[in-house]
Amino acid sequence: MKIKLFADTICGWCYIGHSRLLKALSSFENISFDFEYEPFQLNPGIPKKGINRLDYLKYKFGSKEAAEPMYDSMTTEALKEDLKFDLDKIQVTPNTNLSHILTKLAFTKKIGHQVLSEIYNAYFSKGVNIGDADILIEIGKSKNMSEKEIIDSFSSEEETKNTYRGGDVARSMEINGVPFFEINNKTHIFGAQSTANLIEAIKVNL
């Protein structure tokens, strides 16, 4: 069964949705899944070095205070999945290009879920700047990925183009937000839906 994931690594709802997807998958031990990862950048215009978190919140929401109700709701929902967000630790809103390249590479090696989970955790729980190449290399190495292969991917113009191309794929499918899952090229799941809903969506494709 093929599942295509559209997500951004700085999207808290994507983290929640990914956690629920993994729980749903655990209910199908005898089913073989083929995963494809499609990068979706919520803020494709962010500079490579990222921007100050408070400046980002002012730009995106008008102020940190204006953003708090949405982030509080997201943090509460995350706790239901045993995900502990500590958003006050975040100092930089990063450009997610490199984190997408690493994730896409990891999925080709069948360890995409593990690497993506580590990236999410680093950002949302530890406040780590996941736009930093050195940090991402360490995450990849912790999952036994080749440092040279990661560096080569980060240096590849084609890989960078592929990241931005993921947004084009999403727009062609009229996807305007993430997370978004496509099952067997026909069943579409938008948003961080419940584990139960994801299980049912998988069942109808068996």
N, C-alpha and C. Protein backbone atom coordinates (compact mmCIF):
# COMPACT_ATOMS: atom_id res chain seq x y z
N MET A 1 0.85 -1.19 0.00
CA MET A 1 0.00 0.00 0.00
C MET A 1 0.88 1.24 0.00
N LYS A 2 0.55 2.17 -0.86
CA LYS A 2 1.36 3.38 -0.98
C LYS A 2 0.75 4.54 -0.18
N ILE A 3 1.58 5.21 0.59
CA ILE A 3 1.14 6.39 1.33
C ILE A 3 2.10 7.53 1.03
N LYS A 4 1.54 8.63 0.56
CA LYS A 4 2.33 9.83 0.28
C LYS A 4 2.07 10.85 1.38
N LEU A 5 3.15 11.38 1.95
CA LEU A 5 3.04 12.34 3.05
C LEU A 5 3.46 13.72 2.56
N PHE A 6 2.61 14.70 2.76
CA PHE A 6 2.95 16.09 2.54
C PHE A 6 3.06 16.75 3.91
N ALA A 7 4.20 17.37 4.21
CA ALA A 7 4.39 17.95 5.54
C ALA A 7 5.49 19.00 5.52
N ASP A 8 5.51 19.81 6.57
CA ASP A 8 6.63 20.73 6.80
C ASP A 8 7.20 20.42 8.18
N THR A 9 8.50 20.52 8.29
CA THR A 9 9.17 20.13 9.53
C THR A 9 9.02 21.15 10.65
N ILE A 10 8.47 22.33 10.36
CA ILE A 10 8.18 23.29 11.43
C ILE A 10 6.67 23.43 11.65
N CYS A 11 5.95 22.42 11.21
CA CYS A 11 4.49 22.41 11.37
C CYS A 11 4.13 21.49 12.53
N GLY A 12 3.67 22.08 13.62
CA GLY A 12 3.31 21.30 14.80
C GLY A 12 2.18 20.32 14.53
N TRP A 13 1.22 20.72 13.73
CA TRP A 13 0.12 19.82 13.40
C TRP A 13 0.61 18.65 12.56
N CYS A 14 1.67 18.88 11.77
CA CYS A 14 2.28 17.79 11.01
C CYS A 14 2.91 16.77 11.95
N TYR A 15 3.56 17.25 13.00
CA TYR A 15 4.17 16.38 14.00
C TYR A 15 3.09 15.52 14.66
N ILE A 16 1.99 16.17 15.04
CA ILE A 16 0.88 15.46 15.67
C ILE A 16 0.29 14.45 14.69
N GLY A 17 0.06 14.88 13.45
CA GLY A 17 -0.50 14.00 12.44
C GLY A 17 0.41 12.82 12.13
N HIS A 18 1.72 13.07 12.12
CA HIS A 18 2.68 11.99 11.87
C HIS A 18 2.66 10.97 13.00
N SER A 19 2.58 11.45 14.23
CA SER A 19 2.50 10.56 15.38
C SER A 19 1.26 9.68 15.30
N ARG A 20 0.14 10.27 14.90
CA ARG A 20 -1.10 9.50 14.79
C ARG A 20 -1.02 8.50 13.64
N LEU A 21 -0.34 8.88 12.56
CA LEU A 21 -0.17 7.96 11.44
C LEU A 21 0.64 6.74 11.88
N LEU A 22 1.73 6.97 12.62
CA LEU A 22 2.55 5.85 13.08
C LEU A 22 1.75 4.91 13.97
N LYS A 23 0.90 5.47 14.82
CA LYS A 23 0.06 4.64 15.67
C LYS A 23 -0.93 3.83 14.83
N ALA A 24 -1.47 4.47 13.79
CA ALA A 24 -2.41 3.76 12.92
C ALA A 24 -1.70 2.62 12.19
N LEU A 25 -0.49 2.87 11.73
CA LEU A 25 0.25 1.84 10.99
C LEU A 25 0.54 0.62 11.85
N SER A 26 0.71 0.84 13.15
CA SER A 26 1.03 -0.28 14.05
C SER A 26 -0.12 -1.28 14.15
N SER A 27 -1.31 -0.90 13.66
CA SER A 27 -2.46 -1.80 13.67
C SER A 27 -2.46 -2.74 12.47
N PHE A 28 -1.50 -2.54 11.55
CA PHE A 28 -1.47 -3.34 10.33
C PHE A 28 -0.10 -4.01 10.17
N GLU A 29 0.19 -4.91 11.09
CA GLU A 29 1.51 -5.52 11.14
C GLU A 29 1.83 -6.36 9.91
N ASN A 30 0.82 -6.90 9.25
CA ASN A 30 1.05 -7.79 8.11
C ASN A 30 0.90 -7.10 6.76
N ILE A 31 0.77 -5.77 6.79
CA ILE A 31 0.63 -5.01 5.55
C ILE A 31 1.95 -4.32 5.22
N SER A 32 2.35 -4.38 3.96
CA SER A 32 3.57 -3.70 3.52
C SER A 32 3.20 -2.31 3.00
N PHE A 33 3.86 -1.29 3.56
CA PHE A 33 3.60 0.08 3.16
C PHE A 33 4.79 0.66 2.40
N ASP A 34 4.47 1.38 1.33
CA ASP A 34 5.48 2.08 0.54
C ASP A 34 5.24 3.57 0.74
N PHE A 35 6.22 4.27 1.33
CA PHE A 35 6.04 5.68 1.67
C PHE A 35 6.79 6.60 0.70
N GLU A 36 6.14 7.70 0.39
CA GLU A 36 6.77 8.76 -0.41
C GLU A 36 6.59 10.08 0.33
N TYR A 37 7.68 10.82 0.48
CA TYR A 37 7.64 12.08 1.23
C TYR A 37 7.69 13.25 0.26
N GLU A 38 6.73 14.17 0.42
CA GLU A 38 6.69 15.38 -0.41
C GLU A 38 6.87 16.61 0.48
N PRO A 39 7.95 17.35 0.31
CA PRO A 39 8.17 18.56 1.11
C PRO A 39 7.10 19.62 0.82
N PHE A 40 6.67 20.28 1.86
CA PHE A 40 5.72 21.39 1.74
C PHE A 40 6.22 22.50 2.66
N GLN A 41 6.65 23.61 2.09
CA GLN A 41 7.19 24.70 2.90
C GLN A 41 6.11 25.74 3.19
N LEU A 42 5.79 25.87 4.47
CA LEU A 42 4.80 26.88 4.87
C LEU A 42 5.33 28.29 4.66
N ASN A 43 6.65 28.43 4.77
CA ASN A 43 7.28 29.76 4.61
C ASN A 43 8.48 29.64 3.66
N PRO A 44 8.23 29.43 2.37
CA PRO A 44 9.34 29.22 1.44
C PRO A 44 10.26 30.43 1.28
N GLY A 45 9.80 31.61 1.69
CA GLY A 45 10.60 32.82 1.52
C GLY A 45 11.55 33.12 2.67
N ILE A 46 11.55 32.29 3.71
CA ILE A 46 12.43 32.53 4.86
C ILE A 46 13.89 32.41 4.42
N PRO A 47 14.75 33.34 4.83
CA PRO A 47 16.17 33.27 4.46
C PRO A 47 16.81 31.96 4.91
N LYS A 48 17.91 31.57 4.25
CA LYS A 48 18.58 30.32 4.57
C LYS A 48 18.98 30.23 6.04
N LYS A 49 19.36 31.36 6.61
CA LYS A 49 19.80 31.37 8.01
C LYS A 49 18.63 31.43 8.98
N GLY A 50 17.40 31.53 8.46
CA GLY A 50 16.22 31.62 9.32
C GLY A 50 16.01 33.04 9.80
N ILE A 51 14.98 33.22 10.63
CA ILE A 51 14.71 34.54 11.20
C ILE A 51 14.40 34.39 12.69
N ASN A 52 14.62 35.46 13.41
CA ASN A 52 14.33 35.49 14.84
C ASN A 52 12.87 35.10 15.09
N ARG A 53 12.66 34.24 16.07
CA ARG A 53 11.32 33.71 16.34
C ARG A 53 10.30 34.81 16.63
N LEU A 54 10.66 35.77 17.45
CA LEU A 54 9.71 36.84 17.78
C LEU A 54 9.38 37.68 16.55
N ASP A 55 10.39 37.92 15.71
CA ASP A 55 10.14 38.66 14.47
C ASP A 55 9.18 37.90 13.57
N TYR A 56 9.35 36.58 13.55
CA TYR A 56 8.47 35.73 12.74
C TYR A 56 7.03 35.81 13.25
N LEU A 57 6.86 35.71 14.57
CA LEU A 57 5.51 35.75 15.14
C LEU A 57 4.83 37.09 14.89
N LYS A 58 5.62 38.16 14.94
CA LYS A 58 5.07 39.49 14.65
C LYS A 58 4.64 39.58 13.19
N TYR A 59 5.47 39.02 12.31
CA TYR A 59 5.17 39.05 10.88
C TYR A 59 3.95 38.20 10.56
N LYS A 60 3.89 37.03 11.16
CA LYS A 60 2.85 36.05 10.82
C LYS A 60 1.53 36.33 11.52
N PHE A 61 1.59 36.77 12.79
CA PHE A 61 0.37 36.90 13.59
C PHE A 61 0.12 38.30 14.13
N GLY A 62 1.11 39.17 14.01
CA GLY A 62 0.97 40.52 14.55
C GLY A 62 1.70 40.68 15.86
N SER A 63 1.76 39.60 16.65
CA SER A 63 2.48 39.63 17.93
C SER A 63 2.55 38.20 18.48
N LYS A 64 3.42 37.99 19.45
CA LYS A 64 3.50 36.69 20.10
C LYS A 64 2.20 36.37 20.82
N GLU A 65 1.62 37.40 21.45
CA GLU A 65 0.38 37.22 22.21
C GLU A 65 -0.77 36.77 21.30
N ALA A 66 -0.80 37.32 20.09
CA ALA A 66 -1.87 36.96 19.16
C ALA A 66 -1.77 35.51 18.71
N ALA A 67 -0.53 34.97 18.72
CA ALA A 67 -0.31 33.60 18.28
C ALA A 67 -0.58 32.58 19.39
N GLU A 68 -0.59 33.03 20.63
CA GLU A 68 -0.64 32.11 21.76
C GLU A 68 -1.87 31.20 21.79
N PRO A 69 -3.08 31.68 21.50
CA PRO A 69 -4.23 30.77 21.55
C PRO A 69 -4.09 29.58 20.60
N MET A 70 -3.58 29.83 19.40
CA MET A 70 -3.40 28.74 18.44
C MET A 70 -2.33 27.77 18.90
N TYR A 71 -1.21 28.31 19.39
CA TYR A 71 -0.12 27.45 19.84
C TYR A 71 -0.49 26.69 21.12
N ASP A 72 -1.28 27.33 21.99
CA ASP A 72 -1.73 26.64 23.20
C ASP A 72 -2.61 25.45 22.85
N SER A 73 -3.50 25.66 21.88
CA SER A 73 -4.37 24.58 21.43
C SER A 73 -3.56 23.44 20.83
N MET A 74 -2.56 23.78 20.04
CA MET A 74 -1.70 22.78 19.40
C MET A 74 -0.91 22.00 20.45
N THR A 75 -0.38 22.71 21.45
CA THR A 75 0.40 22.06 22.50
C THR A 75 -0.46 21.10 23.32
N THR A 76 -1.70 21.51 23.59
CA THR A 76 -2.63 20.65 24.32
C THR A 76 -2.94 19.38 23.53
N GLU A 77 -3.14 19.55 22.23
CA GLU A 77 -3.43 18.40 21.38
C GLU A 77 -2.23 17.47 21.30
N ALA A 78 -1.04 18.06 21.28
CA ALA A 78 0.19 17.25 21.23
C ALA A 78 0.31 16.37 22.47
N LEU A 79 -0.06 16.90 23.61
CA LEU A 79 0.04 16.14 24.86
C LEU A 79 -0.79 14.87 24.81
N LYS A 80 -1.89 14.91 24.05
CA LYS A 80 -2.73 13.72 23.92
C LYS A 80 -1.98 12.59 23.21
N GLU A 81 -0.95 12.96 22.46
CA GLU A 81 -0.13 11.97 21.75
C GLU A 81 1.20 11.74 22.46
N ASP A 82 1.30 12.22 23.70
CA ASP A 82 2.53 12.09 24.50
C ASP A 82 3.69 12.85 23.86
N LEU A 83 3.39 13.93 23.16
CA LEU A 83 4.40 14.81 22.57
C LEU A 83 4.48 16.07 23.43
N LYS A 84 5.65 16.35 23.96
CA LYS A 84 5.80 17.50 24.86
C LYS A 84 6.45 18.66 24.12
N PHE A 85 5.62 19.61 23.71
CA PHE A 85 6.11 20.80 23.02
C PHE A 85 6.64 21.80 24.05
N ASP A 86 7.74 22.45 23.75
CA ASP A 86 8.27 23.54 24.58
C ASP A 86 8.63 24.67 23.63
N LEU A 87 7.61 25.37 23.17
CA LEU A 87 7.79 26.37 22.11
C LEU A 87 8.60 27.58 22.58
N ASP A 88 8.66 27.82 23.87
CA ASP A 88 9.43 28.95 24.38
C ASP A 88 10.93 28.76 24.16
N LYS A 89 11.35 27.54 23.91
CA LYS A 89 12.77 27.28 23.66
C LYS A 89 13.19 27.68 22.24
N ILE A 90 12.22 27.82 21.37
CA ILE A 90 12.53 28.12 19.97
C ILE A 90 12.99 29.57 19.83
N GLN A 91 14.18 29.75 19.33
CA GLN A 91 14.74 31.09 19.14
C GLN A 91 14.76 31.50 17.67
N VAL A 92 14.77 30.52 16.78
CA VAL A 92 14.87 30.79 15.35
C VAL A 92 13.79 30.01 14.60
N THR A 93 13.08 30.69 13.71
CA THR A 93 12.20 30.00 12.77
C THR A 93 13.04 29.74 11.53
N PRO A 94 13.34 28.47 11.24
CA PRO A 94 14.31 28.16 10.19
C PRO A 94 13.71 28.06 8.80
N ASN A 95 14.59 28.15 7.83
CA ASN A 95 14.26 27.71 6.48
C ASN A 95 14.32 26.18 6.52
N THR A 96 13.31 25.51 6.01
CA THR A 96 13.22 24.05 6.18
C THR A 96 13.78 23.25 5.01
N ASN A 97 14.42 23.91 4.08
CA ASN A 97 14.91 23.21 2.89
C ASN A 97 15.80 22.02 3.23
N LEU A 98 16.82 22.23 4.06
CA LEU A 98 17.76 21.15 4.37
C LEU A 98 17.11 20.01 5.14
N SER A 99 16.20 20.35 6.04
CA SER A 99 15.52 19.30 6.80
C SER A 99 14.65 18.44 5.89
N HIS A 100 14.09 19.04 4.85
CA HIS A 100 13.32 18.28 3.87
C HIS A 100 14.23 17.36 3.06
N ILE A 101 15.39 17.88 2.66
CA ILE A 101 16.33 17.06 1.89
C ILE A 101 16.75 15.84 2.71
N LEU A 102 17.07 16.05 3.99
CA LEU A 102 17.46 14.94 4.85
C LEU A 102 16.33 13.94 4.99
N THR A 103 15.11 14.43 5.20
CA THR A 103 13.97 13.54 5.39
C THR A 103 13.70 12.72 4.13
N LYS A 104 13.73 13.38 2.99
CA LYS A 104 13.47 12.68 1.73
C LYS A 104 14.53 11.60 1.49
N LEU A 105 15.79 11.93 1.79
CA LEU A 105 16.86 10.95 1.67
C LEU A 105 16.62 9.77 2.61
N ALA A 106 16.21 10.08 3.82
CA ALA A 106 15.96 9.02 4.81
C ALA A 106 14.85 8.08 4.36
N PHE A 107 13.82 8.62 3.73
CA PHE A 107 12.73 7.77 3.26
C PHE A 107 13.19 6.81 2.17
N THR A 108 14.16 7.22 1.37
CA THR A 108 14.69 6.29 0.35
C THR A 108 15.44 5.15 1.00
N LYS A 109 15.85 5.31 2.25
CA LYS A 109 16.58 4.29 2.98
C LYS A 109 15.70 3.56 4.00
N LYS A 110 14.39 3.80 3.90
CA LYS A 110 13.41 3.12 4.76
C LYS A 110 13.52 3.51 6.23
N ILE A 111 14.12 4.67 6.50
CA ILE A 111 14.19 5.16 7.89
C ILE A 111 13.61 6.57 7.99
N GLY A 112 12.75 6.89 7.05
CA GLY A 112 12.18 8.23 7.01
C GLY A 112 11.39 8.62 8.24
N HIS A 113 10.59 7.68 8.74
CA HIS A 113 9.77 8.00 9.90
C HIS A 113 10.63 8.30 11.13
N GLN A 114 11.70 7.52 11.30
CA GLN A 114 12.59 7.72 12.45
C GLN A 114 13.28 9.08 12.38
N VAL A 115 13.79 9.42 11.21
CA VAL A 115 14.50 10.69 11.04
C VAL A 115 13.54 11.86 11.16
N LEU A 116 12.38 11.76 10.54
CA LEU A 116 11.40 12.84 10.62
C LEU A 116 10.96 13.07 12.07
N SER A 117 10.76 12.00 12.81
CA SER A 117 10.37 12.13 14.22
C SER A 117 11.46 12.84 15.02
N GLU A 118 12.72 12.52 14.72
CA GLU A 118 13.84 13.17 15.42
C GLU A 118 13.90 14.66 15.10
N ILE A 119 13.64 15.00 13.85
CA ILE A 119 13.65 16.42 13.45
C ILE A 119 12.53 17.17 14.17
N TYR A 120 11.35 16.59 14.16
CA TYR A 120 10.22 17.22 14.86
C TYR A 120 10.53 17.41 16.34
N ASN A 121 11.04 16.38 16.97
CA ASN A 121 11.34 16.44 18.40
C ASN A 121 12.40 17.49 18.70
N ALA A 122 13.42 17.55 17.86
CA ALA A 122 14.49 18.53 18.06
C ALA A 122 13.94 19.95 18.04
N TYR A 123 13.02 20.20 17.15
CA TYR A 123 12.47 21.56 17.00
C TYR A 123 11.43 21.89 18.06
N PHE A 124 10.44 21.03 18.19
CA PHE A 124 9.30 21.37 19.05
C PHE A 124 9.54 21.11 20.53
N SER A 125 10.39 20.17 20.87
CA SER A 125 10.63 19.85 22.28
C SER A 125 11.91 20.46 22.82
N LYS A 126 12.92 20.63 21.93
CA LYS A 126 14.22 21.11 22.38
C LYS A 126 14.55 22.52 21.87
N GLY A 127 13.76 23.03 20.94
CA GLY A 127 14.00 24.36 20.41
C GLY A 127 15.24 24.46 19.54
N VAL A 128 15.67 23.33 18.98
CA VAL A 128 16.88 23.30 18.16
C VAL A 128 16.62 23.93 16.79
N ASN A 129 17.62 24.62 16.26
CA ASN A 129 17.50 25.23 14.94
C ASN A 129 17.69 24.16 13.87
N ILE A 130 16.61 23.63 13.35
CA ILE A 130 16.69 22.54 12.37
C ILE A 130 16.97 23.06 10.96
N GLY A 131 17.34 24.31 10.85
CA GLY A 131 17.84 24.83 9.58
C GLY A 131 19.35 24.74 9.52
N ASP A 132 19.97 24.36 10.64
CA ASP A 132 21.42 24.27 10.75
C ASP A 132 21.90 22.93 10.19
N ALA A 133 22.75 22.98 9.18
CA ALA A 133 23.22 21.76 8.51
C ALA A 133 23.92 20.82 9.48
N ASP A 134 24.75 21.36 10.37
CA ASP A 134 25.50 20.51 11.30
C ASP A 134 24.56 19.73 12.22
N ILE A 135 23.51 20.38 12.67
CA ILE A 135 22.53 19.71 13.54
C ILE A 135 21.82 18.59 12.79
N LEU A 136 21.46 18.87 11.56
CA LEU A 136 20.77 17.86 10.75
C LEU A 136 21.69 16.68 10.43
N ILE A 137 22.95 16.96 10.18
CA ILE A 137 23.92 15.89 9.92
C ILE A 137 24.00 14.97 11.14
N GLU A 138 24.02 15.55 12.33
CA GLU A 138 24.09 14.74 13.54
C GLU A 138 22.83 13.90 13.71
N ILE A 139 21.68 14.46 13.36
CA ILE A 139 20.44 13.68 13.43
C ILE A 139 20.52 12.50 12.47
N GLY A 140 20.98 12.76 11.25
CA GLY A 140 21.11 11.68 10.28
C GLY A 140 22.09 10.62 10.73
N LYS A 141 23.23 11.04 11.26
CA LYS A 141 24.25 10.10 11.72
C LYS A 141 23.72 9.25 12.89
N SER A 142 22.87 9.84 13.71
CA SER A 142 22.31 9.09 14.85
C SER A 142 21.43 7.94 14.38
N LYS A 143 21.01 7.99 13.11
CA LYS A 143 20.21 6.92 12.53
C LYS A 143 21.03 6.13 11.50
N ASN A 144 22.37 6.24 11.66
CA ASN A 144 23.31 5.47 10.83
C ASN A 144 23.32 5.88 9.36
N MET A 145 22.98 7.13 9.08
CA MET A 145 23.10 7.64 7.72
C MET A 145 24.53 8.12 7.48
N SER A 146 24.96 8.07 6.24
CA SER A 146 26.31 8.48 5.88
C SER A 146 26.46 9.99 5.90
N GLU A 147 27.44 10.48 6.66
CA GLU A 147 27.68 11.92 6.73
C GLU A 147 27.99 12.49 5.33
N LYS A 148 28.81 11.77 4.58
CA LYS A 148 29.16 12.26 3.24
C LYS A 148 27.94 12.34 2.34
N GLU A 149 27.09 11.34 2.41
CA GLU A 149 25.90 11.33 1.57
C GLU A 149 24.96 12.48 1.94
N ILE A 150 24.85 12.77 3.22
CA ILE A 150 24.02 13.89 3.66
C ILE A 150 24.59 15.21 3.15
N ILE A 151 25.89 15.41 3.33
CA ILE A 151 26.53 16.65 2.89
C ILE A 151 26.39 16.82 1.38
N ASP A 152 26.58 15.73 0.64
CA ASP A 152 26.44 15.79 -0.82
C ASP A 152 25.02 16.18 -1.21
N SER A 153 24.04 15.65 -0.50
CA SER A 153 22.64 15.98 -0.79
C SER A 153 22.36 17.45 -0.49
N PHE A 154 22.91 17.94 0.62
CA PHE A 154 22.71 19.34 0.98
C PHE A 154 23.33 20.28 -0.06
N SER A 155 24.39 19.82 -0.73
CA SER A 155 25.11 20.64 -1.70
C SER A 155 24.51 20.54 -3.10
N SER A 156 23.56 19.65 -3.27
CA SER A 156 23.01 19.39 -4.60
C SER A 156 21.94 20.40 -4.98
N GLU A 157 22.14 21.08 -6.10
CA GLU A 157 21.14 22.02 -6.60
C GLU A 157 19.85 21.29 -6.96
N GLU A 158 20.01 20.07 -7.46
CA GLU A 158 18.84 19.30 -7.86
C GLU A 158 17.97 18.96 -6.65
N GLU A 159 18.60 18.61 -5.53
CA GLU A 159 17.84 18.30 -4.32
C GLU A 159 17.10 19.53 -3.81
N THR A 160 17.75 20.68 -3.91
CA THR A 160 17.09 21.94 -3.50
C THR A 160 15.89 22.21 -4.39
N LYS A 161 16.06 22.02 -5.69
CA LYS A 161 14.94 22.22 -6.62
C LYS A 161 13.81 21.26 -6.32
N ASN A 162 14.17 20.02 -5.97
CA ASN A 162 13.13 19.03 -5.66
C ASN A 162 12.31 19.43 -4.45
N THR A 163 12.96 20.09 -3.49
CA THR A 163 12.24 20.55 -2.30
C THR A 163 11.18 21.56 -2.68
N TYR A 164 11.55 22.54 -3.48
CA TYR A 164 10.59 23.55 -3.88
C TYR A 164 9.55 22.99 -4.86
N ARG A 165 9.96 21.95 -5.58
CA ARG A 165 9.05 21.31 -6.52
C ARG A 165 7.92 20.61 -5.78
N GLY A 166 8.20 20.19 -4.54
CA GLY A 166 7.17 19.56 -3.74
C GLY A 166 5.97 20.47 -3.54
N GLY A 167 6.23 21.77 -3.42
CA GLY A 167 5.14 22.74 -3.30
C GLY A 167 4.32 22.80 -4.57
N ASP A 168 4.97 22.66 -5.71
CA ASP A 168 4.27 22.67 -6.99
C ASP A 168 3.36 21.45 -7.11
N VAL A 169 3.87 20.30 -6.65
CA VAL A 169 3.06 19.08 -6.67
C VAL A 169 1.81 19.26 -5.80
N ALA A 170 2.02 19.85 -4.63
CA ALA A 170 0.90 20.08 -3.71
C ALA A 170 -0.14 21.01 -4.34
N ARG A 171 0.33 22.09 -4.93
CA ARG A 171 -0.61 23.04 -5.53
C ARG A 171 -1.37 22.42 -6.69
N SER A 172 -0.70 21.53 -7.44
CA SER A 172 -1.37 20.87 -8.56
C SER A 172 -2.50 19.97 -8.07
N MET A 173 -2.39 19.53 -6.81
CA MET A 173 -3.41 18.70 -6.20
C MET A 173 -4.37 19.53 -5.35
N GLU A 174 -4.22 20.85 -5.43
CA GLU A 174 -5.04 21.80 -4.67
C GLU A 174 -4.89 21.60 -3.17
N ILE A 175 -3.67 21.25 -2.75
CA ILE A 175 -3.34 21.13 -1.33
C ILE A 175 -2.82 22.48 -0.86
N ASN A 176 -3.50 23.08 0.10
CA ASN A 176 -3.12 24.40 0.58
C ASN A 176 -2.60 24.39 2.01
N GLY A 177 -2.61 23.23 2.65
CA GLY A 177 -2.13 23.14 4.03
C GLY A 177 -1.69 21.72 4.33
N VAL A 178 -0.97 21.58 5.41
CA VAL A 178 -0.46 20.27 5.81
C VAL A 178 -0.70 20.06 7.31
N PRO A 179 -0.73 18.79 7.76
CA PRO A 179 -0.38 17.57 7.04
C PRO A 179 -1.45 17.13 6.05
N PHE A 180 -1.01 16.38 5.06
CA PHE A 180 -1.90 15.83 4.05
C PHE A 180 -1.36 14.46 3.66
N PHE A 181 -2.21 13.45 3.72
CA PHE A 181 -1.80 12.09 3.37
C PHE A 181 -2.64 11.59 2.19
N GLU A 182 -1.97 10.96 1.25
CA GLU A 182 -2.67 10.33 0.12
C GLU A 182 -2.41 8.83 0.18
N ILE A 183 -3.48 8.05 0.21
CA ILE A 183 -3.37 6.60 0.32
C ILE A 183 -3.76 5.96 -1.00
N ASN A 184 -2.83 5.19 -1.57
CA ASN A 184 -3.06 4.48 -2.83
C ASN A 184 -3.56 5.39 -3.95
N ASN A 185 -3.08 6.61 -3.96
CA ASN A 185 -3.39 7.57 -5.03
C ASN A 185 -4.87 7.94 -5.14
N LYS A 186 -5.64 7.63 -4.09
CA LYS A 186 -7.07 7.93 -4.21
C LYS A 186 -7.73 8.45 -2.94
N THR A 187 -7.30 8.00 -1.78
CA THR A 187 -7.91 8.44 -0.53
C THR A 187 -7.08 9.57 0.07
N HIS A 188 -7.73 10.71 0.32
CA HIS A 188 -7.02 11.88 0.83
C HIS A 188 -7.42 12.18 2.27
N ILE A 189 -6.42 12.39 3.10
CA ILE A 189 -6.64 12.73 4.51
C ILE A 189 -5.99 14.08 4.77
N PHE A 190 -6.81 15.07 5.08
CA PHE A 190 -6.30 16.42 5.34
C PHE A 190 -6.31 16.72 6.82
N GLY A 191 -5.20 17.26 7.31
CA GLY A 191 -5.12 17.68 8.70
C GLY A 191 -4.70 16.56 9.64
N ALA A 192 -4.50 16.93 10.91
CA ALA A 192 -4.05 15.96 11.92
C ALA A 192 -5.25 15.19 12.46
N GLN A 193 -5.81 14.35 11.60
CA GLN A 193 -7.00 13.60 12.00
C GLN A 193 -6.64 12.51 13.01
N SER A 194 -7.66 11.98 13.64
CA SER A 194 -7.46 11.00 14.71
C SER A 194 -6.85 9.72 14.18
N THR A 195 -6.22 8.97 15.07
CA THR A 195 -5.68 7.66 14.72
C THR A 195 -6.79 6.76 14.19
N ALA A 196 -7.95 6.83 14.80
CA ALA A 196 -9.08 6.00 14.38
C ALA A 196 -9.48 6.31 12.94
N ASN A 197 -9.51 7.58 12.57
CA ASN A 197 -9.86 7.96 11.20
C ASN A 197 -8.82 7.45 10.21
N LEU A 198 -7.55 7.51 10.61
CA LEU A 198 -6.49 7.05 9.73
C LEU A 198 -6.57 5.52 9.55
N ILE A 199 -6.88 4.82 10.63
CA ILE A 199 -7.05 3.36 10.52
C ILE A 199 -8.16 3.02 9.54
N GLU A 200 -9.29 3.71 9.62
CA GLU A 200 -10.41 3.46 8.74
C GLU A 200 -10.03 3.77 7.29
N ALA A 201 -9.28 4.85 7.07
CA ALA A 201 -8.86 5.22 5.72
C ALA A 201 -7.95 4.17 5.11
N ILE A 202 -7.11 3.58 5.94
CA ILE A 202 -6.23 2.51 5.46
C ILE A 202 -7.05 1.25 5.17
N LYS A 203 -8.00 0.94 6.03
CA LYS A 203 -8.81 -0.27 5.87
C LYS A 203 -9.57 -0.28 4.55
N VAL A 204 -10.09 0.87 4.14
CA VAL A 204 -10.88 0.90 2.90
C VAL A 204 -10.01 0.69 1.67
N ASN A 205 -8.68 0.74 1.86
CA ASN A 205 -7.76 0.53 0.74
C ASN A 205 -7.12 -0.85 0.74
N LEU A 206 -7.53 -1.70 1.69
CA LEU A 206 -6.97 -3.05 1.75
C LEU A 206 -7.54 -3.93 0.63
